[in-house]
């Protein structure tokens, strides 16, 4: 499902597509801001988004085999909730 399809589905519940687009964009923006602030975002029944720090590590260039340093970074991890796991199977 694409974002535009999600907006169409939410618009069936709300009055207009404009309201649906605003609601979805607002939700995504707030999730993004919370993750930037290293906060977990839990949506009960759906799951939890977490900002996870990955330490610096050594790797290899796949073309040359030469060792390289990989910088520390922060990634987003999603842990599905019990209801979502049950629905998907």
Protein backbone atom coordinates (compact mmCIF):
# COMPACT_ATOMS: atom_id res chain seq x y z
CA UNK A 1 0.00 0.00 0.00
CA UNK A 2 1.28 3.42 -0.92
CA UNK A 3 0.77 6.60 1.06
CA UNK A 4 -1.83 7.85 -1.45
CA UNK A 5 -3.82 4.63 -1.04
CA UNK A 6 -3.69 5.00 2.72
CA UNK A 7 -4.98 8.56 2.40
CA UNK A 8 -7.86 7.31 0.23
CA UNK A 9 -8.80 4.70 2.85
CA UNK A 10 -8.64 7.20 5.73
CA UNK A 11 -10.68 9.69 3.69
CA UNK A 12 -13.55 7.17 3.72
CA UNK A 13 -13.69 7.56 7.51
CA UNK A 14 -13.04 11.32 7.61
CA UNK A 15 -14.97 13.93 5.65
CA UNK A 16 -12.42 14.77 2.97
CA UNK A 17 -9.19 13.66 1.39
CA UNK A 18 -7.61 16.93 2.57
CA UNK A 19 -8.36 16.08 6.20
CA UNK A 20 -7.05 12.54 5.72
CA UNK A 21 -3.82 13.81 4.13
CA UNK A 22 -3.34 16.32 6.97
CA UNK A 23 -3.94 13.66 9.62
CA UNK A 24 -1.50 11.17 8.10
CA UNK A 25 1.17 13.82 7.43
CA UNK A 26 0.84 15.11 10.99
CA UNK A 27 1.17 11.62 12.44
CA UNK A 28 4.27 10.86 10.35
CA UNK A 29 5.82 14.22 11.22
CA UNK A 30 5.32 13.66 14.96
CA UNK A 31 6.76 10.14 14.77
CA UNK A 32 9.80 11.53 12.94
CA UNK A 33 10.32 14.32 15.49
CA UNK A 34 10.06 11.87 18.40
CA UNK A 35 12.61 9.52 16.81
CA UNK A 36 14.98 12.44 16.16
CA UNK A 37 14.73 13.18 19.90
CA UNK A 38 15.58 9.51 20.59
CA UNK A 39 12.10 8.81 22.00
CA UNK A 40 10.26 5.54 21.42
CA UNK A 41 6.88 5.78 19.72
CA UNK A 42 4.41 3.10 20.80
CA UNK A 43 1.12 2.62 19.02
CA UNK A 44 -0.80 0.12 21.13
CA UNK A 45 -1.82 -2.93 19.14
CA UNK A 46 0.38 -1.93 16.21
CA UNK A 47 3.95 -1.70 17.41
CA UNK A 48 6.87 0.40 18.61
CA UNK A 49 9.31 2.52 16.64
CA UNK A 50 12.70 2.90 18.33
CA UNK A 51 15.80 4.96 17.48
CA UNK A 52 18.69 2.53 17.97
CA UNK A 53 22.34 3.58 18.06
CA UNK A 54 24.73 1.42 16.07
CA UNK A 55 28.36 1.63 17.20
CA UNK A 56 31.27 2.26 14.84
CA UNK A 57 32.64 -0.96 13.45
CA UNK A 58 35.05 -2.42 10.94
CA UNK A 59 33.88 -3.72 7.59
CA UNK A 60 35.24 -4.66 4.21
CA UNK A 61 34.90 -3.01 0.84
CA UNK A 62 32.98 -5.64 -1.17
CA UNK A 63 34.85 -4.79 -4.39
CA UNK A 64 38.43 -4.71 -3.12
CA UNK A 65 38.24 -6.65 0.14
CA UNK A 66 40.06 -3.74 1.80
CA UNK A 67 39.17 -3.09 5.47
CA UNK A 68 37.16 0.08 6.09
CA UNK A 69 35.77 1.92 9.11
CA UNK A 70 31.99 2.24 9.30
CA UNK A 71 30.88 5.27 11.30
CA UNK A 72 28.47 5.05 14.22
CA UNK A 73 24.89 5.77 13.20
CA UNK A 74 21.33 5.75 14.41
CA UNK A 75 18.75 3.52 12.77
CA UNK A 76 15.01 3.11 13.21
CA UNK A 77 13.83 -0.25 14.46
CA UNK A 78 10.21 -1.38 14.40
CA UNK A 79 8.93 -4.01 16.81
CA UNK A 80 5.45 -5.22 15.87
CA UNK A 81 2.81 -5.43 18.59
CA UNK A 82 0.96 -8.58 19.57
CA UNK A 83 -2.21 -7.67 17.66
CA UNK A 84 -0.26 -6.96 14.45
CA UNK A 85 1.67 -10.22 14.76
CA UNK A 86 -1.61 -12.09 15.23
CA UNK A 87 -3.25 -10.39 12.25
CA UNK A 88 -0.35 -11.10 9.91
CA UNK A 89 0.15 -14.63 11.15
